[in-house]
Amino acid sequence: MRSGTVNAGSIEVFYEDYGREEDPAVFLVMGFGCQLTAWPMAMVNGLTENGFRVIRFDNRDVGLSGSGNRGRRINLPLSLVAPLAGIQLPVNYTLREMMYDTIGLADALGIEHFHIVGASMGGIISQMLTAVYPERVLSLTSIMSTTANPRLPQPRAKVAVRLVTGGNGHDEDSVVKRDLKTWKIIAGPHYPINEAATEQQLREHYRRAYRPAGTLRQLQAIAATGNIETWVKQIQAPSLIIHGDADPLVRYEGGKRSAELIQNSRLETIKGMGHSLPEELLPRFVEWISDHALNCRHTPAPVWVPVTALSGTYSPLAAAG
């Protein structure tokens, strides 16, 4: 395993790089508020054993990567409601910048073509990147994610309240207790979390990097980015959509919608799965992702997005609005 911090264009990104450098690269893009360590090592090891080079990394504002703080005040309830009313608020960043972080990391590591796997918010980022950089992406796997169309079913009330209200206390025990309850709710009863193992992981995450303000900025970024269906329709790469039909956070209809809009896609529905990566399903995920990546007969599109897009001079996403 190789690890380090690189300049990804506008921010420092911490990454871990597993497997042989000559093997096909797979980038793992994690979801809202989660560090790279939320990708289970069983999944990482399974992919490397199947012949892939696996890169997992901390998104901006979590873990050991840089901050996206531009000094814009966060009013979370207003940030969530404003986009639904067509109001644009000044924000610290959107998922567009996080997409640039990801392609910037690939550039810094000298990886021209790659497969990409995103979970939840990471799935939105991965869909955007696959649409905007068709010359780079060999295949896409989007897990428990969405097109973020506001007309799709929203998080169940109990989950939404927990996201908005949070809780009191920033000491380790308070944070772990609060997060453990959240994970129990969003994982659901069919694939319940291992409470002892999850608590230990949450403690490790807290000690590695506890950054609550960064998590709020990420949530603000999701809200400010809004509906990405314009770009999802442009995806050319072979796409695998994995979603549980019992997901209370990012509802099943979100994954189904991605599959409907992406012409070259396949939807795998997991009965009873909530919003988690259950340990017992990891071998299935590894098999699906590996087969999808190894069997795709996709040639990336000709170059049509210049590297200067990283500096903000142009990108199809920006041009589209």
C-alpha atoms as a PDB file:
ATOM      1  CA  MET A   1       0.000   0.000   0.000  1.00  0.00           C
ATOM      2  CA  ARG A   2       1.222   3.454  -0.957  1.00  0.00           C
ATOM      3  CA  SER A   3      -0.179   6.594   0.614  1.00  0.00           C
ATOM      4  CA  GLY A   4       0.393  10.307   0.734  1.00  0.00           C
ATOM      5  CA  THR A   5      -0.973  13.767   0.089  1.00  0.00           C
ATOM      6  CA  VAL A   6      -0.981  15.401  -3.349  1.00  0.00           C
ATOM      7  CA  ASN A   7      -2.085  18.706  -4.793  1.00  0.00           C
ATOM      8  CA  ALA A   8      -5.254  17.858  -6.718  1.00  0.00           C
ATOM      9  CA  GLY A   9      -5.630  21.251  -8.370  1.00  0.00           C
ATOM     10  CA  SER A  10      -7.173  23.447  -5.730  1.00  0.00           C
ATOM     11  CA  ILE A  11      -6.829  21.332  -2.598  1.00  0.00           C
ATOM     12  CA  GLU A  12      -4.562  18.790  -0.913  1.00  0.00           C
ATOM     13  CA  VAL A  13      -5.986  15.253  -1.073  1.00  0.00           C
ATOM     14  CA  PHE A  14      -4.858  12.343   1.088  1.00  0.00           C
ATOM     15  CA  TYR A  15      -5.035   8.936  -0.603  1.00  0.00           C
ATOM     16  CA  GLU A  16      -4.180   5.276  -0.175  1.00  0.00           C
ATOM     17  CA  ASP A  17      -3.133   3.250  -3.220  1.00  0.00           C
ATOM     18  CA  TYR A  18      -3.342  -0.562  -3.183  1.00  0.00           C
ATOM     19  CA  GLY A  19      -2.230  -3.229  -5.639  1.00  0.00           C
ATOM     20  CA  ARG A  20       0.163  -3.245  -8.566  1.00  0.00           C
ATOM     21  CA  GLU A  21       0.631   0.078 -10.326  1.00  0.00           C
ATOM     22  CA  GLU A  22       0.382  -1.573 -13.745  1.00  0.00           C
ATOM     23  CA  ASP A  23      -3.089  -3.026 -13.015  1.00  0.00           C
ATOM     24  CA  PRO A  24      -6.283  -1.227 -14.128  1.00  0.00           C
ATOM     25  CA  ALA A  25      -7.086   1.541 -11.650  1.00  0.00           C
ATOM     26  CA  VAL A  26     -10.304   1.770  -9.660  1.00  0.00           C
ATOM     27  CA  PHE A  27     -11.083   4.969  -7.752  1.00  0.00           C
ATOM     28  CA  LEU A  28     -13.371   4.596  -4.729  1.00  0.00           C
ATOM     29  CA  VAL A  29     -15.304   7.807  -3.965  1.00  0.00           C
ATOM     30  CA  MET A  30     -16.889   7.813  -0.519  1.00  0.00           C
ATOM     31  CA  GLY A  31     -20.099   9.454   0.623  1.00  0.00           C
ATOM     32  CA  PHE A  32     -21.185  12.337   2.805  1.00  0.00           C
ATOM     33  CA  GLY A  33     -19.170  12.868   5.972  1.00  0.00           C
ATOM     34  CA  CYS A  34     -17.242   9.605   5.611  1.00  0.00           C
ATOM     35  CA  GLN A  35     -13.487   9.152   5.540  1.00  0.00           C
ATOM     36  CA  LEU A  36     -11.680   6.834   3.131  1.00  0.00           C
ATOM     37  CA  THR A  37     -11.591   4.221   5.894  1.00  0.00           C
ATOM     38  CA  ALA A  38     -15.345   3.765   5.447  1.00  0.00           C
ATOM     39  CA  TRP A  39     -14.497   1.654   2.396  1.00  0.00           C
ATOM     40  CA  PRO A  40     -14.159  -1.833   3.924  1.00  0.00           C
ATOM     41  CA  MET A  41     -10.742  -3.438   3.546  1.00  0.00           C
ATOM     42  CA  ALA A  42     -12.497  -6.656   2.510  1.00  0.00           C
ATOM     43  CA  MET A  43     -13.743  -4.779  -0.543  1.00  0.00           C
ATOM     44  CA  VAL A  44     -10.352  -3.199  -1.264  1.00  0.00           C
ATOM     45  CA  ASN A  45      -8.547  -6.528  -0.891  1.00  0.00           C
ATOM     46  CA  GLY A  46     -11.124  -8.357  -2.979  1.00  0.00           C
ATOM     47  CA  LEU A  47     -10.663  -5.931  -5.864  1.00  0.00           C
ATOM     48  CA  THR A  48      -6.856  -6.061  -5.724  1.00  0.00           C
ATOM     49  CA  GLU A  49      -6.975  -9.865  -5.657  1.00  0.00           C
ATOM     50  CA  ASN A  50      -9.080  -9.670  -8.823  1.00  0.00           C
ATOM     51  CA  GLY A  51      -6.355  -7.715 -10.593  1.00  0.00           C
ATOM     52  CA  PHE A  52      -7.149  -4.073  -9.898  1.00  0.00           C
ATOM     53  CA  ARG A  53      -5.168  -1.166  -8.519  1.00  0.00           C
ATOM     54  CA  VAL A  54      -7.466   0.441  -5.923  1.00  0.00           C
ATOM     55  CA  ILE A  55      -7.264   4.061  -4.805  1.00  0.00           C
ATOM     56  CA  ARG A  56      -9.376   5.286  -1.914  1.00  0.00           C
ATOM     57  CA  PHE A  57      -9.104   8.859  -0.643  1.00  0.00           C
ATOM     58  CA  ASP A  58     -10.487  11.439   1.746  1.00  0.00           C
ATOM     59  CA  ASN A  59     -12.826  13.921   0.111  1.00  0.00           C
ATOM     60  CA  ARG A  60     -12.249  17.558   0.946  1.00  0.00           C
ATOM     61  CA  ASP A  61     -13.310  18.503   4.472  1.00  0.00           C
ATOM     62  CA  VAL A  62     -13.041  14.987   5.913  1.00  0.00           C
ATOM     63  CA  GLY A  63     -10.184  12.826   7.091  1.00  0.00           C
ATOM     64  CA  LEU A  64      -6.710  14.082   6.252  1.00  0.00           C
ATOM     65  CA  SER A  65      -7.528  16.074   3.107  1.00  0.00           C
ATOM     66  CA  GLY A  66      -7.673  19.840   2.889  1.00  0.00           C
ATOM     67  CA  SER A  67     -10.544  22.119   3.827  1.00  0.00           C
ATOM     68  CA  GLY A  68     -13.034  23.641   1.426  1.00  0.00           C
ATOM     69  CA  ASN A  69     -13.816  26.495   3.776  1.00  0.00           C
ATOM     70  CA  ARG A  70     -14.191  29.794   1.921  1.00  0.00           C
ATOM     71  CA  GLY A  71     -15.658  31.593   4.884  1.00  0.00           C
ATOM     72  CA  ARG A  72     -19.256  31.272   3.710  1.00  0.00           C
ATOM     73  CA  ARG A  73     -21.598  30.942   6.668  1.00  0.00           C
ATOM     74  CA  ILE A  74     -23.600  27.723   6.867  1.00  0.00           C
ATOM     75  CA  ASN A  75     -27.292  27.966   7.631  1.00  0.00           C
ATOM     76  CA  LEU A  76     -28.155  24.299   7.199  1.00  0.00           C
ATOM     77  CA  PRO A  77     -32.000  24.455   7.134  1.00  0.00           C
ATOM     78  CA  LEU A  78     -31.874  27.377   4.694  1.00  0.00           C
ATOM     79  CA  SER A  79     -29.236  25.614   2.563  1.00  0.00           C
ATOM     80  CA  LEU A  80     -31.513  22.587   2.212  1.00  0.00           C
ATOM     81  CA  VAL A  81     -34.674  24.541   1.429  1.00  0.00           C
ATOM     82  CA  ALA A  82     -33.279  27.273  -0.846  1.00  0.00           C
ATOM     83  CA  PRO A  83     -32.484  25.059  -3.881  1.00  0.00           C
ATOM     84  CA  LEU A  84     -36.007  23.626  -3.808  1.00  0.00           C
ATOM     85  CA  ALA A  85     -37.302  27.200  -4.054  1.00  0.00           C
ATOM     86  CA  GLY A  86     -34.912  28.064  -6.882  1.00  0.00           C
ATOM     87  CA  ILE A  87     -32.813  30.320  -4.650  1.00  0.00           C
ATOM     88  CA  GLN A  88     -29.033  30.285  -5.051  1.00  0.00           C
ATOM     89  CA  LEU A  89     -27.144  30.932  -1.847  1.00  0.00           C
ATOM     90  CA  PRO A  90     -23.421  31.660  -1.617  1.00  0.00           C
ATOM     91  CA  VAL A  91     -21.761  28.372  -0.673  1.00  0.00           C
ATOM     92  CA  ASN A  92     -18.250  27.226   0.130  1.00  0.00           C
ATOM     93  CA  TYR A  93     -18.276  24.767  -2.775  1.00  0.00           C
ATOM     94  CA  THR A  94     -20.494  22.332  -4.651  1.00  0.00           C
ATOM     95  CA  LEU A  95     -20.016  18.730  -5.741  1.00  0.00           C
ATOM     96  CA  ARG A  96     -18.550  20.164  -8.940  1.00  0.00           C
ATOM     97  CA  GLU A  97     -15.396  21.132  -7.038  1.00  0.00           C
ATOM     98  CA  MET A  98     -15.307  17.690  -5.431  1.00  0.00           C
ATOM     99  CA  MET A  99     -15.469  16.175  -8.903  1.00  0.00           C
ATOM    100  CA  TYR A 100     -12.445  18.271  -9.843  1.00  0.00           C
ATOM    101  CA  ASP A 101     -10.669  17.023  -6.708  1.00  0.00           C
ATOM    102  CA  THR A 102     -11.152  13.453  -7.918  1.00  0.00           C
ATOM    103  CA  ILE A 103      -9.898  14.036 -11.469  1.00  0.00           C
ATOM    104  CA  GLY A 104      -7.069  16.121 -10.008  1.00  0.00           C
ATOM    105  CA  LEU A 105      -5.995  13.178  -7.873  1.00  0.00           C
ATOM    106  CA  ALA A 106      -5.975  10.928 -10.951  1.00  0.00           C
ATOM    107  CA  ASP A 107      -3.833  13.508 -12.767  1.00  0.00           C
ATOM    108  CA  ALA A 108      -1.437  13.789  -9.832  1.00  0.00           C
ATOM    109  CA  LEU A 109      -1.001  10.001  -9.790  1.00  0.00           C
ATOM    110  CA  GLY A 110      -0.490   9.907 -13.546  1.00  0.00           C
ATOM    111  CA  ILE A 111      -3.561   7.734 -14.186  1.00  0.00           C
ATOM    112  CA  GLU A 112      -5.149   8.521 -17.545  1.00  0.00           C
ATOM    113  CA  HIS A 113      -7.932   5.909 -17.687  1.00  0.00           C
ATOM    114  CA  PHE A 114      -9.729   4.373 -14.746  1.00  0.00           C
ATOM    115  CA  HIS A 115     -12.856   2.711 -13.415  1.00  0.00           C
ATOM    116  CA  ILE A 116     -14.791   4.648 -10.794  1.00  0.00           C
ATOM    117  CA  VAL A 117     -16.958   3.421  -7.920  1.00  0.00           C
ATOM    118  CA  GLY A 118     -18.957   5.873  -5.845  1.00  0.00           C
ATOM    119  CA  ALA A 119     -21.167   5.395  -2.799  1.00  0.00           C
ATOM    120  CA  SER A 120     -24.017   7.766  -1.895  1.00  0.00           C
ATOM    121  CA  MET A 121     -22.677  11.328  -2.353  1.00  0.00           C
ATOM    122  CA  GLY A 122     -19.660   9.690  -3.945  1.00  0.00           C
ATOM    123  CA  GLY A 123     -22.023   8.145  -6.479  1.00  0.00           C
ATOM    124  CA  ILE A 124     -23.296  11.586  -7.465  1.00  0.00           C
ATOM    125  CA  ILE A 125     -19.720  12.834  -7.844  1.00  0.00           C
ATOM    126  CA  SER A 126     -18.821   9.737  -9.875  1.00  0.00           C
ATOM    127  CA  GLN A 127     -21.799  10.159 -12.203  1.00  0.00           C
ATOM    128  CA  MET A 128     -20.875  13.800 -12.783  1.00  0.00           C
ATOM    129  CA  LEU A 129     -17.251  12.927 -13.477  1.00  0.00           C
ATOM    130  CA  THR A 130     -18.201  10.119 -15.864  1.00  0.00           C
ATOM    131  CA  ALA A 131     -20.377  12.530 -17.832  1.00  0.00           C
ATOM    132  CA  VAL A 132     -17.874  15.384 -17.913  1.00  0.00           C
ATOM    133  CA  TYR A 133     -14.742  13.302 -18.561  1.00  0.00           C
ATOM    134  CA  PRO A 134     -15.813  10.555 -21.003  1.00  0.00           C
ATOM    135  CA  GLU A 135     -12.221  10.351 -22.268  1.00  0.00           C
ATOM    136  CA  ARG A 136     -11.015   9.182 -18.854  1.00  0.00           C
ATOM    137  CA  VAL A 137     -13.623   6.798 -17.414  1.00  0.00           C
ATOM    138  CA  LEU A 138     -13.679   3.128 -18.454  1.00  0.00           C
ATOM    139  CA  SER A 139     -16.677   2.130 -16.332  1.00  0.00           C
ATOM    140  CA  LEU A 140     -18.905   3.503 -13.587  1.00  0.00           C
ATOM    141  CA  THR A 141     -20.374   1.774 -10.545  1.00  0.00           C
ATOM    142  CA  SER A 142     -22.803   3.854  -8.489  1.00  0.00           C
ATOM    143  CA  ILE A 143     -23.894   2.402  -5.146  1.00  0.00           C
ATOM    144  CA  MET A 144     -26.919   3.656  -3.141  1.00  0.00           C
ATOM    145  CA  SER A 145     -26.843   6.981  -4.985  1.00  0.00           C
ATOM    146  CA  THR A 146     -29.178   9.190  -7.014  1.00  0.00           C
ATOM    147  CA  THR A 147     -29.614  11.843  -9.695  1.00  0.00           C
ATOM    148  CA  ALA A 148     -30.728  14.235  -6.925  1.00  0.00           C
ATOM    149  CA  ASN A 149     -33.885  15.166  -8.793  1.00  0.00           C
ATOM    150  CA  PRO A 150     -36.057  16.928  -6.181  1.00  0.00           C
ATOM    151  CA  ARG A 151     -39.128  15.128  -7.544  1.00  0.00           C
ATOM    152  CA  LEU A 152     -37.721  11.787  -6.380  1.00  0.00           C
ATOM    153  CA  PRO A 153     -38.746  10.443  -2.953  1.00  0.00           C
ATOM    154  CA  GLN A 154     -36.804  12.184  -0.211  1.00  0.00           C
ATOM    155  CA  PRO A 155     -35.174  10.677   2.919  1.00  0.00           C
ATOM    156  CA  ARG A 156     -37.637   9.229   5.377  1.00  0.00           C
ATOM    157  CA  ALA A 157     -38.655  11.714   8.055  1.00  0.00           C
ATOM    158  CA  LYS A 158     -36.771  10.050  10.909  1.00  0.00           C
ATOM    159  CA  VAL A 159     -33.535  10.110   8.909  1.00  0.00           C
ATOM    160  CA  ALA A 160     -33.985  13.679   7.670  1.00  0.00           C
ATOM    161  CA  VAL A 161     -34.519  14.936  11.219  1.00  0.00           C
ATOM    162  CA  ARG A 162     -31.285  13.306  12.365  1.00  0.00           C
ATOM    163  CA  LEU A 163     -29.327  14.888   9.511  1.00  0.00           C
ATOM    164  CA  VAL A 164     -30.632  18.373  10.183  1.00  0.00           C
ATOM    165  CA  THR A 165     -30.721  18.422  13.967  1.00  0.00           C
ATOM    166  CA  GLY A 166     -27.557  16.440  14.737  1.00  0.00           C
ATOM    167  CA  GLY A 167     -26.942  16.367  18.464  1.00  0.00           C
ATOM    168  CA  ASN A 168     -25.066  17.823  21.391  1.00  0.00           C
ATOM    169  CA  GLY A 169     -21.530  17.111  22.508  1.00  0.00           C
ATOM    170  CA  HIS A 170     -18.264  16.869  20.596  1.00  0.00           C
ATOM    171  CA  ASP A 171     -16.374  14.529  22.900  1.00  0.00           C
ATOM    172  CA  GLU A 172     -15.613  11.056  21.597  1.00  0.00           C
ATOM    173  CA  ASP A 173     -18.280   9.187  23.557  1.00  0.00           C
ATOM    174  CA  SER A 174     -21.056  11.608  22.583  1.00  0.00           C
ATOM    175  CA  VAL A 175     -20.132  11.582  18.904  1.00  0.00           C
ATOM    176  CA  VAL A 176     -19.778   7.803  18.737  1.00  0.00           C
ATOM    177  CA  LYS A 177     -23.098   7.261  20.511  1.00  0.00           C
ATOM    178  CA  ARG A 178     -24.842   9.686  18.157  1.00  0.00           C
ATOM    179  CA  ASP A 179     -23.294   8.269  14.990  1.00  0.00           C
ATOM    180  CA  LEU A 180     -23.940   4.687  16.068  1.00  0.00           C
ATOM    181  CA  LYS A 181     -27.653   5.444  16.395  1.00  0.00           C
ATOM    182  CA  THR A 182     -27.661   7.064  12.947  1.00  0.00           C
ATOM    183  CA  TRP A 183     -25.996   4.057  11.316  1.00  0.00           C
ATOM    184  CA  LYS A 184     -28.469   1.696  12.984  1.00  0.00           C
ATOM    185  CA  ILE A 185     -31.353   3.691  11.532  1.00  0.00           C
ATOM    186  CA  ILE A 186     -30.070   4.026   7.974  1.00  0.00           C
ATOM    187  CA  ALA A 187     -28.783   0.444   7.706  1.00  0.00           C
ATOM    188  CA  GLY A 188     -32.233  -0.881   8.555  1.00  0.00           C
ATOM    189  CA  PRO A 189     -33.356  -4.164  10.131  1.00  0.00           C
ATOM    190  CA  HIS A 190     -32.681  -6.591   7.269  1.00  0.00           C
ATOM    191  CA  TYR A 191     -28.917  -6.042   7.245  1.00  0.00           C
ATOM    192  CA  PRO A 192     -28.306  -4.681  10.747  1.00  0.00           C
ATOM    193  CA  ILE A 193     -24.916  -3.280  11.641  1.00  0.00           C
ATOM    194  CA  ASN A 194     -22.496  -5.156  13.863  1.00  0.00           C
ATOM    195  CA  GLU A 195     -22.723  -2.719  16.770  1.00  0.00           C
ATOM    196  CA  ALA A 196     -19.410  -3.646  18.414  1.00  0.00           C
ATOM    197  CA  ALA A 197     -17.459  -3.470  15.158  1.00  0.00           C
ATOM    198  CA  THR A 198     -19.201  -0.268  14.068  1.00  0.00           C
ATOM    199  CA  GLU A 199     -18.533   1.405  17.421  1.00  0.00           C
ATOM    200  CA  GLN A 200     -14.852   0.517  17.166  1.00  0.00           C
ATOM    201  CA  GLN A 201     -14.687   1.889  13.633  1.00  0.00           C
ATOM    202  CA  LEU A 202     -16.426   5.105  14.688  1.00  0.00           C
ATOM    203  CA  ARG A 203     -13.903   5.582  17.491  1.00  0.00           C
ATOM    204  CA  GLU A 204     -11.052   5.086  15.031  1.00  0.00           C
ATOM    205  CA  HIS A 205     -12.631   7.614  12.679  1.00  0.00           C
ATOM    206  CA  TYR A 206     -13.021  10.142  15.497  1.00  0.00           C
ATOM    207  CA  ARG A 207      -9.379   9.771  16.535  1.00  0.00           C
ATOM    208  CA  ARG A 208      -8.163   9.978  12.942  1.00  0.00           C
ATOM    209  CA  ALA A 209     -10.041  13.185  12.148  1.00  0.00           C
ATOM    210  CA  TYR A 210     -13.169  14.716  13.664  1.00  0.00           C
ATOM    211  CA  ARG A 211     -14.298  17.633  11.467  1.00  0.00           C
ATOM    212  CA  PRO A 212     -17.976  18.483  12.054  1.00  0.00           C
ATOM    213  CA  ALA A 213     -17.813  21.846  10.256  1.00  0.00           C
ATOM    214  CA  GLY A 214     -16.463  20.098   7.166  1.00  0.00           C
ATOM    215  CA  THR A 215     -19.332  17.629   7.246  1.00  0.00           C
ATOM    216  CA  LEU A 216     -21.799  20.536   7.275  1.00  0.00           C
ATOM    217  CA  ARG A 217     -20.054  22.092   4.277  1.00  0.00           C
ATOM    218  CA  GLN A 218     -20.396  18.788   2.403  1.00  0.00           C
ATOM    219  CA  LEU A 219     -24.121  18.680   3.127  1.00  0.00           C
ATOM    220  CA  GLN A 220     -24.394  22.268   1.937  1.00  0.00           C
ATOM    221  CA  ALA A 221     -22.552  21.248  -1.254  1.00  0.00           C
ATOM    222  CA  ILE A 222     -25.006  18.418  -1.950  1.00  0.00           C
ATOM    223  CA  ALA A 223     -27.964  20.775  -1.585  1.00  0.00           C
ATOM    224  CA  ALA A 224     -26.358  23.493  -3.710  1.00  0.00           C
ATOM    225  CA  THR A 225     -25.482  21.084  -6.536  1.00  0.00           C
ATOM    226  CA  GLY A 226     -29.047  19.884  -6.950  1.00  0.00           C
ATOM    227  CA  ASN A 227     -30.401  17.903  -9.878  1.00  0.00           C
ATOM    228  CA  ILE A 228     -27.677  16.340 -12.075  1.00  0.00           C
ATOM    229  CA  GLU A 229     -29.953  14.604 -14.579  1.00  0.00           C
ATOM    230  CA  THR A 230     -28.786  16.829 -17.451  1.00  0.00           C
ATOM    231  CA  TRP A 231     -25.335  15.286 -17.106  1.00  0.00           C
ATOM    232  CA  VAL A 232     -26.381  11.769 -16.174  1.00  0.00           C
ATOM    233  CA  LYS A 233     -28.101  11.511 -19.564  1.00  0.00           C
ATOM    234  CA  GLN A 234     -24.722  12.140 -21.215  1.00  0.00           C
ATOM    235  CA  ILE A 235     -22.940   9.193 -19.587  1.00  0.00           C
ATOM    236  CA  GLN A 236     -21.446   6.885 -22.197  1.00  0.00           C
ATOM    237  CA  ALA A 237     -19.396   4.490 -20.089  1.00  0.00           C
ATOM    238  CA  PRO A 238     -20.837   1.102 -19.075  1.00  0.00           C
ATOM    239  CA  SER A 239     -22.589   1.722 -15.762  1.00  0.00           C
ATOM    240  CA  LEU A 240     -23.552  -0.578 -12.909  1.00  0.00           C
ATOM    241  CA  ILE A 241     -26.144   0.758 -10.460  1.00  0.00           C
ATOM    242  CA  ILE A 242     -26.431  -1.028  -7.091  1.00  0.00           C
ATOM    243  CA  HIS A 243     -29.177  -0.054  -4.669  1.00  0.00           C
ATOM    244  CA  GLY A 244     -31.115  -1.531  -1.776  1.00  0.00           C
ATOM    245  CA  ASP A 245     -34.890  -1.372  -1.969  1.00  0.00           C
ATOM    246  CA  ALA A 246     -35.109  -0.505   1.748  1.00  0.00           C
ATOM    247  CA  ASP A 247     -32.759   2.513   1.723  1.00  0.00           C
ATOM    248  CA  PRO A 248     -34.293   5.167   4.029  1.00  0.00           C
ATOM    249  CA  LEU A 249     -31.728   7.880   3.206  1.00  0.00           C
ATOM    250  CA  VAL A 250     -31.132   7.786  -0.546  1.00  0.00           C
ATOM    251  CA  ARG A 251     -34.292   6.085  -1.660  1.00  0.00           C
ATOM    252  CA  TYR A 252     -34.313   3.236  -4.162  1.00  0.00           C
ATOM    253  CA  GLU A 253     -35.998   5.405  -6.787  1.00  0.00           C
ATOM    254  CA  GLY A 254     -32.795   7.483  -6.991  1.00  0.00           C
ATOM    255  CA  GLY A 255     -30.704   4.546  -8.171  1.00  0.00           C
ATOM    256  CA  LYS A 256     -33.484   3.355 -10.438  1.00  0.00           C
ATOM    257  CA  ARG A 257     -33.633   6.798 -12.035  1.00  0.00           C
ATOM    258  CA  SER A 258     -29.904   6.734 -12.816  1.00  0.00           C
ATOM    259  CA  ALA A 259     -30.336   3.364 -14.499  1.00  0.00           C
ATOM    260  CA  GLU A 260     -33.253   4.726 -16.551  1.00  0.00           C
ATOM    261  CA  LEU A 261     -31.246   7.704 -17.809  1.00  0.00           C
ATOM    262  CA  ILE A 262     -27.945   5.948 -18.573  1.00  0.00           C
ATOM    263  CA  GLN A 263     -28.301   4.093 -21.835  1.00  0.00           C
ATOM    264  CA  ASN A 264     -25.532   1.568 -21.203  1.00  0.00           C
ATOM    265  CA  SER A 265     -26.465   0.605 -17.636  1.00  0.00           C
ATOM    266  CA  ARG A 266     -27.479  -2.326 -15.455  1.00  0.00           C
ATOM    267  CA  LEU A 267     -29.443  -2.106 -12.205  1.00  0.00           C
ATOM    268  CA  GLU A 268     -28.807  -4.587  -9.401  1.00  0.00           C
ATOM    269  CA  THR A 269     -31.469  -4.368  -6.698  1.00  0.00           C
ATOM    270  CA  ILE A 270     -30.713  -5.819  -3.267  1.00  0.00           C
ATOM    271  CA  LYS A 271     -33.840  -6.719  -1.368  1.00  0.00           C
ATOM    272  CA  GLY A 272     -33.868  -5.401   2.182  1.00  0.00           C
ATOM    273  CA  MET A 273     -30.602  -3.445   1.990  1.00  0.00           C
ATOM    274  CA  GLY A 274     -30.611   0.001   3.554  1.00  0.00           C
ATOM    275  CA  HIS A 275     -27.952   2.682   3.318  1.00  0.00           C
ATOM    276  CA  SER A 276     -24.807   0.767   4.190  1.00  0.00           C
ATOM    277  CA  LEU A 277     -22.195  -1.649   2.878  1.00  0.00           C
ATOM    278  CA  PRO A 278     -23.160  -4.814   4.776  1.00  0.00           C
ATOM    279  CA  GLU A 279     -20.264  -7.127   5.516  1.00  0.00           C
ATOM    280  CA  GLU A 280     -22.136 -10.179   4.233  1.00  0.00           C
ATOM    281  CA  LEU A 281     -22.739  -8.488   0.867  1.00  0.00           C
ATOM    282  CA  LEU A 282     -19.145  -7.392   0.238  1.00  0.00           C
ATOM    283  CA  PRO A 283     -18.192 -10.546  -1.734  1.00  0.00           C
ATOM    284  CA  ARG A 284     -21.179  -9.888  -3.993  1.00  0.00           C
ATOM    285  CA  PHE A 285     -20.148  -6.249  -4.484  1.00  0.00           C
ATOM    286  CA  VAL A 286     -16.589  -7.287  -5.333  1.00  0.00           C
ATOM    287  CA  GLU A 287     -17.827  -9.875  -7.824  1.00  0.00           C
ATOM    288  CA  TRP A 288     -20.254  -7.466  -9.509  1.00  0.00           C
ATOM    289  CA  ILE A 289     -17.754  -4.593  -9.730  1.00  0.00           C
ATOM    290  CA  SER A 290     -14.935  -6.850 -10.936  1.00  0.00           C
ATOM    291  CA  ASP A 291     -17.036  -8.575 -13.596  1.00  0.00           C
ATOM    292  CA  HIS A 292     -18.461  -5.242 -14.712  1.00  0.00           C
ATOM    293  CA  ALA A 293     -15.015  -3.653 -15.068  1.00  0.00           C
ATOM    294  CA  LEU A 294     -13.259  -6.659 -16.587  1.00  0.00           C
ATOM    295  CA  ASN A 295     -15.967  -7.459 -19.114  1.00  0.00           C
ATOM    296  CA  CYS A 296     -16.753  -3.963 -20.349  1.00  0.00           C
ATOM    297  CA  ARG A 297     -15.762  -3.377 -23.946  1.00  0.00           C
ATOM    298  CA  HIS A 298     -15.664   0.384 -23.687  1.00  0.00           C
ATOM    299  CA  THR A 299     -13.212   2.694 -25.403  1.00  0.00           C
ATOM    300  CA  PRO A 300     -13.122   6.126 -23.762  1.00  0.00           C
ATOM    301  CA  ALA A 301     -14.393   8.949 -25.921  1.00  0.00           C
ATOM    302  CA  PRO A 302     -11.907  11.222 -27.697  1.00  0.00           C
ATOM    303  CA  VAL A 303     -10.553  14.023 -25.573  1.00  0.00           C
ATOM    304  CA  TRP A 304     -13.027  16.887 -25.375  1.00  0.00           C
ATOM    305  CA  VAL A 305     -12.394  18.349 -21.935  1.00  0.00           C
ATOM    306  CA  PRO A 306      -9.015  20.127 -21.602  1.00  0.00           C
ATOM    307  CA  VAL A 307      -6.915  19.808 -18.482  1.00  0.00           C
ATOM    308  CA  THR A 308      -7.490  23.547 -18.033  1.00  0.00           C
ATOM    309  CA  ALA A 309     -10.957  22.617 -16.769  1.00  0.00           C
ATOM    310  CA  LEU A 310      -9.254  22.032 -13.433  1.00  0.00           C
ATOM    311  CA  SER A 311      -8.334  25.681 -13.207  1.00  0.00           C
ATOM    312  CA  GLY A 312     -11.916  26.672 -13.901  1.00  0.00           C
ATOM    313  CA  THR A 313     -11.399  28.063 -17.407  1.00  0.00           C
ATOM    314  CA  TYR A 314     -13.923  25.691 -18.982  1.00  0.00           C
ATOM    315  CA  SER A 315     -15.875  22.547 -18.387  1.00  0.00           C
ATOM    316  CA  PRO A 316     -18.997  21.156 -20.047  1.00  0.00           C
ATOM    317  CA  LEU A 317     -20.595  20.997 -16.609  1.00  0.00           C
ATOM    318  CA  ALA A 318     -20.046  24.701 -16.026  1.00  0.00           C
ATOM    319  CA  ALA A 319     -21.172  25.489 -19.545  1.00  0.00           C
ATOM    320  CA  ALA A 320     -24.358  23.524 -18.981  1.00  0.00           C
ATOM    321  CA  GLY A 321     -25.186  25.629 -15.975  1.00  0.00           C
END
